[in-house]
């Protein structure tokens, strides 16, 4: 079956294989790596009380199974020169998700894209240097996508990244992180994006 798996996680029949169950050690490893993605194999092994070989094999299995999709840094967007952040809701033409997703992925500052249920179809998180750039992104780039029927912008005044809940493997001194401000000082937000920000 492994030979039949395709890049998108499915197999030749189009079905996605069922995920392997995670045991408590796998969950502890995930919690540790979410808190510190740069943790060494040795420190992971010591904290979950397994051999280095076992920790290495478990991490590789979690990666191969798609449970771990990658490792990244948590960025304070304001300090990185992106002081304006916004969630943008989009209504799109029915059955156009894949086309719209490709175009949204190419947008500068796009950080998260989700197909959702409810009053709108897509939720997009963007980080831009300032409100002028955000306005340009919404009114020029997003609204020029033919499959986008309407948008609504919600400015982020402040945000806090949540760390995973500390578990037995997390050890002392590991807990929720400090929040990062984004968009502080931005103006009021209301109404559809036919009005300038």
N, C-alpha and C. Protein backbone atom coordinates (compact mmCIF):
# COMPACT_ATOMS: atom_id res chain seq x y z
N UNK A 1 0.82 -1.19 0.00
CA UNK A 1 0.00 0.00 0.00
C UNK A 1 0.87 1.25 0.00
N UNK A 2 2.03 1.21 0.66
CA UNK A 2 2.89 2.40 0.70
C UNK A 2 3.29 2.83 -0.70
N UNK A 3 3.52 1.87 -1.59
CA UNK A 3 3.92 2.20 -2.95
C UNK A 3 2.78 2.88 -3.71
N UNK A 4 1.55 2.61 -3.28
CA UNK A 4 0.40 3.20 -3.97
C UNK A 4 0.03 4.57 -3.43
N UNK A 5 0.64 5.00 -2.32
CA UNK A 5 0.29 6.30 -1.77
C UNK A 5 0.74 7.41 -2.68
N UNK A 6 -0.11 8.44 -2.79
CA UNK A 6 0.18 9.57 -3.66
C UNK A 6 0.62 10.75 -2.80
N UNK A 7 1.12 11.77 -3.44
CA UNK A 7 1.66 12.94 -2.74
C UNK A 7 0.63 13.63 -1.85
N UNK A 8 -0.66 13.57 -2.20
CA UNK A 8 -1.67 14.26 -1.40
C UNK A 8 -2.13 13.44 -0.21
N UNK A 9 -1.49 12.29 0.04
CA UNK A 9 -1.83 11.48 1.20
C UNK A 9 -2.81 10.37 0.88
N UNK A 10 -3.40 10.37 -0.29
CA UNK A 10 -4.34 9.33 -0.66
C UNK A 10 -3.64 8.19 -1.37
N UNK A 11 -4.41 7.16 -1.72
CA UNK A 11 -3.84 6.08 -2.51
C UNK A 11 -4.46 6.11 -3.90
N UNK A 12 -4.15 5.12 -4.75
CA UNK A 12 -4.64 5.15 -6.14
C UNK A 12 -6.15 5.08 -6.23
N UNK A 13 -6.81 4.60 -5.19
CA UNK A 13 -8.27 4.53 -5.20
C UNK A 13 -8.89 5.87 -4.82
N UNK A 14 -8.04 6.84 -4.40
CA UNK A 14 -8.55 8.15 -4.01
C UNK A 14 -8.88 8.24 -2.54
N UNK A 15 -8.76 7.13 -1.81
CA UNK A 15 -9.06 7.13 -0.38
C UNK A 15 -7.82 7.55 0.40
N UNK A 16 -8.05 8.30 1.46
CA UNK A 16 -6.96 8.66 2.36
C UNK A 16 -6.80 7.54 3.37
N UNK A 17 -5.58 7.02 3.56
CA UNK A 17 -5.41 5.93 4.51
C UNK A 17 -5.76 6.39 5.93
N UNK A 18 -6.29 5.45 6.71
CA UNK A 18 -6.63 5.77 8.09
C UNK A 18 -5.36 6.05 8.88
N UNK A 19 -5.38 7.07 9.73
CA UNK A 19 -4.18 7.38 10.52
C UNK A 19 -3.94 6.29 11.57
N UNK A 20 -2.67 6.06 11.85
CA UNK A 20 -2.33 5.13 12.93
C UNK A 20 -2.65 5.82 14.24
N UNK A 21 -3.13 5.04 15.22
CA UNK A 21 -3.42 5.67 16.52
C UNK A 21 -2.13 6.12 17.20
N UNK A 22 -2.22 7.23 17.92
CA UNK A 22 -1.08 7.75 18.66
C UNK A 22 -1.17 7.28 20.10
N UNK A 23 -0.05 6.82 20.63
CA UNK A 23 -0.03 6.41 22.03
C UNK A 23 0.42 7.61 22.88
N UNK A 24 0.39 7.47 24.21
CA UNK A 24 0.76 8.61 25.07
C UNK A 24 2.18 9.13 24.81
N UNK A 25 3.11 8.26 24.45
CA UNK A 25 4.47 8.72 24.17
C UNK A 25 4.49 9.58 22.91
N UNK A 26 3.76 9.16 21.86
CA UNK A 26 3.66 9.97 20.64
C UNK A 26 3.08 11.34 20.97
N UNK A 27 2.04 11.38 21.80
CA UNK A 27 1.41 12.65 22.15
C UNK A 27 2.36 13.54 22.95
N UNK A 28 3.15 12.93 23.84
CA UNK A 28 4.14 13.71 24.58
C UNK A 28 5.19 14.28 23.64
N UNK A 29 5.63 13.48 22.67
CA UNK A 29 6.62 13.95 21.69
C UNK A 29 6.04 15.12 20.90
N UNK A 30 4.80 15.00 20.45
CA UNK A 30 4.16 16.08 19.70
C UNK A 30 4.09 17.35 20.54
N UNK A 31 3.68 17.21 21.80
CA UNK A 31 3.57 18.37 22.68
C UNK A 31 4.94 19.04 22.84
N UNK A 32 5.99 18.24 23.02
CA UNK A 32 7.34 18.80 23.16
C UNK A 32 7.77 19.54 21.91
N UNK A 33 7.54 18.94 20.74
CA UNK A 33 7.98 19.55 19.49
C UNK A 33 7.15 20.79 19.15
N UNK A 34 5.89 20.82 19.58
CA UNK A 34 5.09 22.02 19.37
C UNK A 34 5.62 23.16 20.23
N UNK A 35 6.11 22.84 21.41
CA UNK A 35 6.66 23.85 22.30
C UNK A 35 8.05 24.28 21.85
N UNK A 36 8.86 23.30 21.41
CA UNK A 36 10.23 23.58 20.97
C UNK A 36 10.57 22.68 19.79
N UNK A 37 10.33 23.18 18.60
CA UNK A 37 10.61 22.41 17.38
C UNK A 37 12.08 22.13 17.15
N UNK A 38 12.95 22.79 17.93
CA UNK A 38 14.39 22.57 17.79
C UNK A 38 14.94 21.61 18.82
N UNK A 39 14.06 20.95 19.59
CA UNK A 39 14.52 20.01 20.61
C UNK A 39 15.32 18.89 19.96
N UNK A 40 16.41 18.51 20.60
CA UNK A 40 17.25 17.43 20.06
C UNK A 40 16.60 16.07 20.31
N UNK A 41 16.97 15.11 19.51
CA UNK A 41 16.48 13.74 19.70
C UNK A 41 16.82 13.28 21.12
N UNK A 42 18.03 13.60 21.57
CA UNK A 42 18.45 13.18 22.91
C UNK A 42 17.52 13.74 23.98
N UNK A 43 17.21 15.04 23.90
CA UNK A 43 16.35 15.64 24.92
C UNK A 43 14.93 15.08 24.83
N UNK A 44 14.43 14.85 23.62
CA UNK A 44 13.10 14.24 23.46
C UNK A 44 13.09 12.86 24.11
N UNK A 45 14.10 12.05 23.80
CA UNK A 45 14.18 10.69 24.34
C UNK A 45 14.22 10.70 25.87
N UNK A 46 15.02 11.59 26.42
CA UNK A 46 15.15 11.66 27.88
C UNK A 46 13.82 12.06 28.53
N UNK A 47 13.14 13.01 27.94
CA UNK A 47 11.91 13.52 28.56
C UNK A 47 10.74 12.57 28.46
N UNK A 48 10.72 11.71 27.41
CA UNK A 48 9.62 10.74 27.30
C UNK A 48 10.05 9.35 27.74
N UNK A 49 11.30 9.22 28.19
CA UNK A 49 11.82 7.98 28.77
C UNK A 49 11.85 6.82 27.77
N UNK A 50 12.40 7.10 26.58
CA UNK A 50 12.64 6.05 25.58
C UNK A 50 14.07 6.22 25.08
N UNK A 51 14.56 5.23 24.34
CA UNK A 51 15.90 5.33 23.77
C UNK A 51 15.91 6.37 22.65
N UNK A 52 17.11 6.86 22.32
CA UNK A 52 17.22 7.81 21.20
C UNK A 52 16.74 7.18 19.90
N UNK A 53 17.06 5.91 19.69
CA UNK A 53 16.62 5.23 18.47
C UNK A 53 15.10 5.18 18.39
N UNK A 54 14.47 4.90 19.54
CA UNK A 54 13.01 4.84 19.57
C UNK A 54 12.42 6.22 19.31
N UNK A 55 12.97 7.26 19.93
CA UNK A 55 12.47 8.63 19.71
C UNK A 55 12.64 9.02 18.24
N UNK A 56 13.79 8.71 17.68
CA UNK A 56 14.06 9.02 16.27
C UNK A 56 13.05 8.31 15.36
N UNK A 57 12.81 7.03 15.62
CA UNK A 57 11.86 6.25 14.80
C UNK A 57 10.44 6.81 14.94
N UNK A 58 10.07 7.18 16.15
CA UNK A 58 8.72 7.72 16.36
C UNK A 58 8.53 9.06 15.64
N UNK A 59 9.53 9.93 15.74
CA UNK A 59 9.42 11.23 15.06
C UNK A 59 9.35 11.03 13.55
N UNK A 60 10.17 10.15 13.01
CA UNK A 60 10.12 9.89 11.57
C UNK A 60 8.78 9.30 11.15
N UNK A 61 8.20 8.41 11.98
CA UNK A 61 6.88 7.85 11.66
C UNK A 61 5.82 8.95 11.68
N UNK A 62 5.90 9.86 12.66
CA UNK A 62 4.95 10.97 12.73
C UNK A 62 5.06 11.87 11.50
N UNK A 63 6.29 12.04 11.02
CA UNK A 63 6.50 12.83 9.80
C UNK A 63 5.96 12.07 8.59
N UNK A 64 6.32 10.79 8.46
CA UNK A 64 5.88 9.97 7.32
C UNK A 64 4.37 9.84 7.26
N UNK A 65 3.72 9.76 8.43
CA UNK A 65 2.26 9.63 8.48
C UNK A 65 1.55 10.97 8.27
N UNK A 66 2.32 12.06 8.17
CA UNK A 66 1.71 13.37 7.94
C UNK A 66 1.17 14.01 9.21
N UNK A 67 1.45 13.42 10.37
CA UNK A 67 1.02 14.04 11.62
C UNK A 67 1.84 15.31 11.85
N UNK A 68 3.15 15.22 11.66
CA UNK A 68 4.02 16.39 11.70
C UNK A 68 4.20 16.85 10.26
N UNK A 69 3.74 18.07 9.95
CA UNK A 69 3.83 18.59 8.59
C UNK A 69 5.07 19.41 8.35
N UNK A 70 5.80 19.74 9.40
CA UNK A 70 7.00 20.54 9.24
C UNK A 70 7.33 21.24 10.55
N UNK A 71 8.41 22.00 10.53
CA UNK A 71 8.87 22.72 11.70
C UNK A 71 9.04 24.18 11.29
N UNK A 72 8.64 25.09 12.18
CA UNK A 72 8.74 26.50 11.82
C UNK A 72 8.95 27.35 13.06
N UNK A 73 9.25 28.62 12.82
CA UNK A 73 9.43 29.58 13.90
C UNK A 73 8.13 30.34 14.11
N UNK A 74 7.84 30.69 15.36
CA UNK A 74 6.70 31.56 15.65
C UNK A 74 7.21 32.99 15.57
N UNK A 75 6.56 33.79 14.75
CA UNK A 75 7.06 35.13 14.43
C UNK A 75 6.16 36.18 15.06
N UNK A 76 6.76 37.20 15.63
CA UNK A 76 6.04 38.39 16.05
C UNK A 76 5.93 39.25 14.79
N UNK A 77 4.77 39.24 14.17
CA UNK A 77 4.61 39.89 12.86
C UNK A 77 4.85 41.39 12.91
N UNK A 78 4.46 42.01 13.99
CA UNK A 78 4.66 43.45 14.10
C UNK A 78 6.16 43.78 14.11
N UNK A 79 6.94 43.04 14.89
CA UNK A 79 8.39 43.27 14.94
C UNK A 79 9.06 42.89 13.63
N UNK A 80 8.43 42.01 12.86
CA UNK A 80 8.99 41.60 11.57
C UNK A 80 8.56 42.54 10.45
N UNK A 81 7.92 43.66 10.79
CA UNK A 81 7.56 44.64 9.78
C UNK A 81 6.19 44.43 9.16
N UNK A 82 5.37 43.60 9.77
CA UNK A 82 4.00 43.38 9.29
C UNK A 82 3.03 43.76 10.39
N UNK A 83 2.84 45.08 10.56
CA UNK A 83 2.04 45.61 11.65
C UNK A 83 0.54 45.54 11.45
N UNK A 84 0.07 45.21 10.26
CA UNK A 84 -1.36 45.11 10.01
C UNK A 84 -1.70 43.66 9.70
N UNK A 85 -2.56 43.07 10.52
CA UNK A 85 -3.02 41.70 10.30
C UNK A 85 -4.53 41.73 10.20
N UNK A 86 -5.09 40.81 9.42
CA UNK A 86 -6.55 40.77 9.27
C UNK A 86 -7.00 39.37 8.91
N UNK A 87 -8.19 39.04 9.39
CA UNK A 87 -8.90 37.86 8.90
C UNK A 87 -9.85 38.37 7.83
N UNK A 88 -9.86 37.72 6.71
CA UNK A 88 -10.73 38.13 5.61
C UNK A 88 -11.64 36.96 5.29
N UNK A 89 -12.95 37.21 5.30
CA UNK A 89 -13.90 36.17 4.92
C UNK A 89 -14.25 36.37 3.46
N UNK A 90 -14.40 35.26 2.75
CA UNK A 90 -14.71 35.32 1.32
C UNK A 90 -15.91 34.44 1.02
N UNK A 91 -16.79 34.93 0.17
CA UNK A 91 -17.82 34.10 -0.45
C UNK A 91 -17.32 33.82 -1.85
N UNK A 92 -17.35 32.56 -2.25
CA UNK A 92 -16.80 32.20 -3.56
C UNK A 92 -17.83 31.43 -4.38
N UNK A 93 -17.58 31.36 -5.67
CA UNK A 93 -18.43 30.59 -6.58
C UNK A 93 -18.38 29.13 -6.16
N UNK A 94 -19.56 28.49 -6.20
CA UNK A 94 -19.63 27.08 -5.82
C UNK A 94 -18.66 26.23 -6.65
N UNK A 95 -18.02 25.28 -6.01
CA UNK A 95 -17.07 24.34 -6.63
C UNK A 95 -15.81 25.02 -7.18
N UNK A 96 -15.44 26.19 -6.64
CA UNK A 96 -14.24 26.87 -7.13
C UNK A 96 -13.12 26.85 -6.08
N UNK A 97 -13.26 26.08 -5.00
CA UNK A 97 -12.31 26.09 -3.89
C UNK A 97 -10.88 25.86 -4.34
N UNK A 98 -10.63 24.84 -5.14
CA UNK A 98 -9.25 24.53 -5.53
C UNK A 98 -8.61 25.67 -6.34
N UNK A 99 -9.37 26.26 -7.22
CA UNK A 99 -8.87 27.37 -8.03
C UNK A 99 -8.58 28.58 -7.14
N UNK A 100 -9.51 28.90 -6.25
CA UNK A 100 -9.35 30.05 -5.36
C UNK A 100 -8.19 29.81 -4.41
N UNK A 101 -8.08 28.60 -3.86
CA UNK A 101 -6.99 28.29 -2.93
C UNK A 101 -5.64 28.54 -3.57
N UNK A 102 -5.46 28.11 -4.82
CA UNK A 102 -4.18 28.33 -5.51
C UNK A 102 -3.85 29.82 -5.62
N UNK A 103 -4.86 30.63 -5.93
CA UNK A 103 -4.63 32.07 -6.07
C UNK A 103 -4.37 32.73 -4.72
N UNK A 104 -5.03 32.26 -3.66
CA UNK A 104 -4.82 32.82 -2.33
C UNK A 104 -3.43 32.47 -1.80
N UNK A 105 -2.95 31.27 -2.11
CA UNK A 105 -1.62 30.86 -1.68
C UNK A 105 -0.53 31.76 -2.26
N UNK A 106 -0.80 32.35 -3.42
CA UNK A 106 0.19 33.21 -4.08
C UNK A 106 0.16 34.65 -3.54
N UNK A 107 -0.82 34.99 -2.72
CA UNK A 107 -0.92 36.36 -2.20
C UNK A 107 0.22 36.65 -1.22
N UNK A 108 0.83 37.82 -1.32
CA UNK A 108 1.86 38.19 -0.35
C UNK A 108 1.22 38.38 1.03
N UNK A 109 1.81 37.76 2.03
CA UNK A 109 1.31 37.92 3.40
C UNK A 109 0.25 36.92 3.82
N UNK A 110 -0.21 36.06 2.90
CA UNK A 110 -1.20 35.06 3.29
C UNK A 110 -0.56 34.08 4.25
N UNK A 111 -1.19 33.89 5.42
CA UNK A 111 -0.61 33.03 6.46
C UNK A 111 -1.44 31.78 6.71
N UNK A 112 -2.75 31.84 6.48
CA UNK A 112 -3.62 30.69 6.75
C UNK A 112 -4.84 30.81 5.86
N UNK A 113 -5.23 29.69 5.28
CA UNK A 113 -6.41 29.65 4.41
C UNK A 113 -7.24 28.44 4.83
N UNK A 114 -8.55 28.64 5.03
CA UNK A 114 -9.41 27.53 5.43
C UNK A 114 -10.74 27.60 4.68
N UNK A 115 -11.18 26.45 4.20
CA UNK A 115 -12.53 26.30 3.65
C UNK A 115 -13.42 26.00 4.84
N UNK A 116 -14.46 26.80 5.04
CA UNK A 116 -15.28 26.69 6.24
C UNK A 116 -16.76 26.62 5.88
N UNK A 117 -17.58 26.31 6.88
CA UNK A 117 -19.03 26.31 6.70
C UNK A 117 -19.59 27.57 7.34
N UNK A 118 -20.82 27.91 7.02
CA UNK A 118 -21.45 29.07 7.64
C UNK A 118 -21.81 30.13 6.62
N UNK A 119 -21.77 31.39 7.06
CA UNK A 119 -22.20 32.51 6.23
C UNK A 119 -21.21 32.86 5.13
N UNK A 120 -19.99 32.35 5.20
CA UNK A 120 -18.99 32.58 4.17
C UNK A 120 -18.29 31.26 3.89
N UNK A 121 -17.47 31.23 2.86
CA UNK A 121 -16.87 29.98 2.40
C UNK A 121 -15.41 29.81 2.80
N UNK A 122 -14.67 30.91 2.83
CA UNK A 122 -13.23 30.85 3.06
C UNK A 122 -12.85 31.85 4.13
N UNK A 123 -11.91 31.44 5.00
CA UNK A 123 -11.34 32.34 5.99
C UNK A 123 -9.85 32.45 5.68
N UNK A 124 -9.38 33.68 5.51
CA UNK A 124 -8.00 33.95 5.12
C UNK A 124 -7.37 34.86 6.17
N UNK A 125 -6.18 34.49 6.64
CA UNK A 125 -5.42 35.33 7.56
C UNK A 125 -4.25 35.91 6.78
N UNK A 126 -4.10 37.24 6.85
CA UNK A 126 -2.99 37.90 6.16
C UNK A 126 -2.25 38.82 7.11
N UNK A 127 -0.95 39.01 6.84
CA UNK A 127 -0.11 39.95 7.57
C UNK A 127 0.52 40.86 6.53
N UNK A 128 0.35 42.17 6.69
CA UNK A 128 0.91 43.14 5.75
C UNK A 128 1.65 44.23 6.52
N UNK A 129 2.51 44.98 5.84
CA UNK A 129 3.27 46.03 6.54
C UNK A 129 2.40 47.11 7.16
N UNK A 130 1.28 47.46 6.49
CA UNK A 130 0.46 48.56 6.99
C UNK A 130 -0.94 48.45 6.40
N UNK A 131 -1.83 49.35 6.84
CA UNK A 131 -3.22 49.32 6.37
C UNK A 131 -3.34 49.64 4.88
N UNK A 132 -2.48 50.50 4.38
CA UNK A 132 -2.53 50.83 2.95
C UNK A 132 -2.26 49.57 2.11
N UNK A 133 -1.27 48.78 2.50
CA UNK A 133 -0.95 47.55 1.78
C UNK A 133 -2.09 46.55 1.93
N UNK A 134 -2.68 46.49 3.12
CA UNK A 134 -3.83 45.60 3.34
C UNK A 134 -5.00 46.00 2.44
N UNK A 135 -5.27 47.30 2.39
CA UNK A 135 -6.36 47.80 1.53
C UNK A 135 -6.11 47.41 0.07
N UNK A 136 -4.88 47.58 -0.39
CA UNK A 136 -4.53 47.22 -1.76
C UNK A 136 -4.73 45.73 -2.01
N UNK A 137 -4.33 44.92 -1.05
CA UNK A 137 -4.48 43.47 -1.19
C UNK A 137 -5.95 43.09 -1.32
N UNK A 138 -6.80 43.68 -0.47
CA UNK A 138 -8.22 43.34 -0.49
C UNK A 138 -8.92 43.89 -1.73
N UNK A 139 -8.79 45.20 -1.95
CA UNK A 139 -9.58 45.84 -3.00
C UNK A 139 -9.04 45.56 -4.41
N UNK A 140 -7.76 45.33 -4.55
CA UNK A 140 -7.19 45.12 -5.88
C UNK A 140 -6.95 43.64 -6.18
N UNK A 141 -6.29 42.95 -5.28
CA UNK A 141 -5.91 41.57 -5.57
C UNK A 141 -7.03 40.58 -5.29
N UNK A 142 -7.61 40.61 -4.09
CA UNK A 142 -8.65 39.64 -3.76
C UNK A 142 -9.90 39.84 -4.60
N UNK A 143 -10.35 41.06 -4.71
CA UNK A 143 -11.60 41.29 -5.42
C UNK A 143 -11.45 41.18 -6.94
N UNK A 144 -10.22 41.02 -7.42
CA UNK A 144 -10.04 40.80 -8.86
C UNK A 144 -10.06 39.32 -9.21
N UNK A 145 -10.11 38.44 -8.21
CA UNK A 145 -10.23 37.00 -8.49
C UNK A 145 -11.67 36.74 -8.92
N UNK A 146 -11.89 36.24 -10.14
CA UNK A 146 -13.25 36.11 -10.67
C UNK A 146 -14.18 35.26 -9.81
N UNK A 147 -13.65 34.25 -9.14
CA UNK A 147 -14.49 33.34 -8.34
C UNK A 147 -14.85 33.91 -6.97
N UNK A 148 -14.26 35.05 -6.58
CA UNK A 148 -14.58 35.67 -5.30
C UNK A 148 -15.79 36.58 -5.50
N UNK A 149 -16.88 36.25 -4.80
CA UNK A 149 -18.12 37.01 -4.94
C UNK A 149 -18.16 38.21 -4.00
N UNK A 150 -17.64 38.04 -2.77
CA UNK A 150 -17.60 39.15 -1.82
C UNK A 150 -16.56 38.85 -0.74
N UNK A 151 -16.13 39.92 -0.06
CA UNK A 151 -15.16 39.80 1.02
C UNK A 151 -15.61 40.65 2.19
N UNK A 152 -15.10 40.32 3.35
CA UNK A 152 -15.30 41.14 4.55
C UNK A 152 -14.01 41.07 5.34
N UNK A 153 -13.50 42.20 5.78
CA UNK A 153 -12.21 42.27 6.46
C UNK A 153 -12.40 42.56 7.94
N UNK A 154 -11.70 41.79 8.78
CA UNK A 154 -11.71 41.97 10.22
C UNK A 154 -10.28 42.24 10.66
N UNK A 155 -9.98 43.49 11.05
CA UNK A 155 -8.62 43.82 11.48
C UNK A 155 -8.31 43.15 12.82
N UNK A 156 -7.08 42.71 12.96
CA UNK A 156 -6.61 42.12 14.21
C UNK A 156 -5.93 43.23 15.01
N UNK A 157 -6.44 43.51 16.19
CA UNK A 157 -5.85 44.54 17.04
C UNK A 157 -4.75 43.95 17.93
N UNK A 158 -4.93 42.73 18.35
CA UNK A 158 -3.96 42.05 19.19
C UNK A 158 -4.17 40.55 19.03
N UNK A 159 -3.07 39.80 19.07
CA UNK A 159 -3.21 38.34 18.95
C UNK A 159 -2.28 37.65 19.93
N UNK A 160 -2.65 36.45 20.31
CA UNK A 160 -1.87 35.64 21.22
C UNK A 160 -1.76 34.24 20.65
N UNK A 161 -0.53 33.76 20.46
CA UNK A 161 -0.33 32.38 20.04
C UNK A 161 -0.47 31.50 21.26
N UNK A 162 -1.22 30.42 21.13
CA UNK A 162 -1.40 29.49 22.23
C UNK A 162 -0.42 28.35 22.09
N UNK A 163 0.34 28.11 23.13
CA UNK A 163 1.22 26.95 23.16
C UNK A 163 0.37 25.73 23.52
N UNK A 164 0.83 24.55 23.13
CA UNK A 164 0.09 23.35 23.54
C UNK A 164 0.11 23.25 25.06
N UNK A 165 -0.95 22.66 25.60
CA UNK A 165 -1.03 22.50 27.05
C UNK A 165 0.14 21.66 27.53
N UNK A 166 0.82 22.12 28.57
CA UNK A 166 1.94 21.33 29.06
C UNK A 166 1.45 20.00 29.60
N UNK A 167 2.17 18.96 29.26
CA UNK A 167 1.84 17.62 29.74
C UNK A 167 2.96 17.12 30.60
N UNK A 168 2.91 15.84 30.93
CA UNK A 168 3.94 15.30 31.81
C UNK A 168 5.34 15.44 31.22
N UNK A 169 5.47 15.42 29.88
CA UNK A 169 6.80 15.48 29.27
C UNK A 169 7.30 16.91 29.14
N UNK A 170 6.41 17.88 29.31
CA UNK A 170 6.81 19.26 29.06
C UNK A 170 7.80 19.78 30.11
N UNK A 171 7.68 19.30 31.32
CA UNK A 171 8.65 19.69 32.34
C UNK A 171 8.37 21.08 32.89
N UNK A 172 9.16 21.49 33.88
CA UNK A 172 8.94 22.80 34.50
C UNK A 172 9.32 23.93 33.57
N UNK A 173 8.67 25.05 33.77
CA UNK A 173 9.03 26.25 33.01
C UNK A 173 8.43 26.30 31.63
N UNK A 174 7.59 25.33 31.27
CA UNK A 174 6.98 25.33 29.94
C UNK A 174 5.52 25.67 30.13
N UNK A 175 5.05 26.70 29.46
CA UNK A 175 3.66 27.10 29.62
C UNK A 175 3.26 28.03 28.52
N UNK A 176 2.10 28.64 28.65
CA UNK A 176 1.63 29.53 27.61
C UNK A 176 2.61 30.66 27.34
N UNK A 177 2.77 31.00 26.07
CA UNK A 177 3.72 32.05 25.68
C UNK A 177 3.08 33.41 25.70
N UNK A 178 3.91 34.39 25.58
CA UNK A 178 3.42 35.76 25.55
C UNK A 178 2.79 36.06 24.21
N UNK A 179 1.81 36.90 24.21
CA UNK A 179 1.15 37.26 22.97
C UNK A 179 1.98 38.23 22.15
N UNK A 180 1.61 38.36 20.91
CA UNK A 180 2.29 39.31 20.05
C UNK A 180 1.26 40.28 19.52
N UNK A 181 1.58 41.52 19.58
CA UNK A 181 0.65 42.53 19.08
C UNK A 181 0.74 42.62 17.58
N UNK A 182 -0.39 42.83 16.95
CA UNK A 182 -0.41 43.03 15.50
C UNK A 182 -1.51 44.00 15.19
N UNK A 183 -1.21 44.95 14.39
CA UNK A 183 -2.22 45.89 13.96
C UNK A 183 -2.59 46.92 15.02
N UNK A 184 -1.80 47.06 16.05
CA UNK A 184 -2.11 48.01 17.11
C UNK A 184 -2.21 49.40 16.52
N UNK A 185 -3.21 50.11 16.95
CA UNK A 185 -3.38 51.48 16.49
C UNK A 185 -4.14 51.57 15.17
N UNK A 186 -4.60 50.44 14.66
CA UNK A 186 -5.34 50.45 13.40
C UNK A 186 -6.72 51.05 13.65
N UNK A 187 -7.32 51.56 12.62
CA UNK A 187 -8.61 52.21 12.75
C UNK A 187 -9.76 51.25 12.94
N UNK A 188 -10.98 51.77 13.06
CA UNK A 188 -12.16 50.94 13.27
C UNK A 188 -12.44 50.07 12.06
N UNK A 189 -13.14 48.99 12.32
CA UNK A 189 -13.43 48.03 11.27
C UNK A 189 -14.92 47.78 11.24
N UNK A 190 -15.52 47.87 10.07
CA UNK A 190 -16.92 47.52 9.93
C UNK A 190 -17.28 47.50 8.47
N UNK A 191 -18.29 46.72 8.15
CA UNK A 191 -18.85 46.74 6.80
C UNK A 191 -18.09 45.92 5.80
N UNK A 192 -18.72 45.65 4.66
CA UNK A 192 -18.07 44.91 3.59
C UNK A 192 -16.94 45.71 2.98
N UNK A 193 -16.12 45.04 2.22
CA UNK A 193 -14.92 45.67 1.68
C UNK A 193 -15.16 46.51 0.43
N UNK A 194 -16.37 46.96 0.22
CA UNK A 194 -16.60 47.89 -0.86
C UNK A 194 -16.20 49.29 -0.41
N UNK A 195 -16.12 49.47 0.94
CA UNK A 195 -15.67 50.75 1.48
C UNK A 195 -14.17 50.67 1.74
N UNK A 196 -13.44 51.75 1.55
CA UNK A 196 -11.99 51.74 1.85
C UNK A 196 -11.76 51.47 3.32
N UNK A 197 -10.64 50.80 3.61
CA UNK A 197 -10.27 50.55 5.00
C UNK A 197 -9.85 51.83 5.57
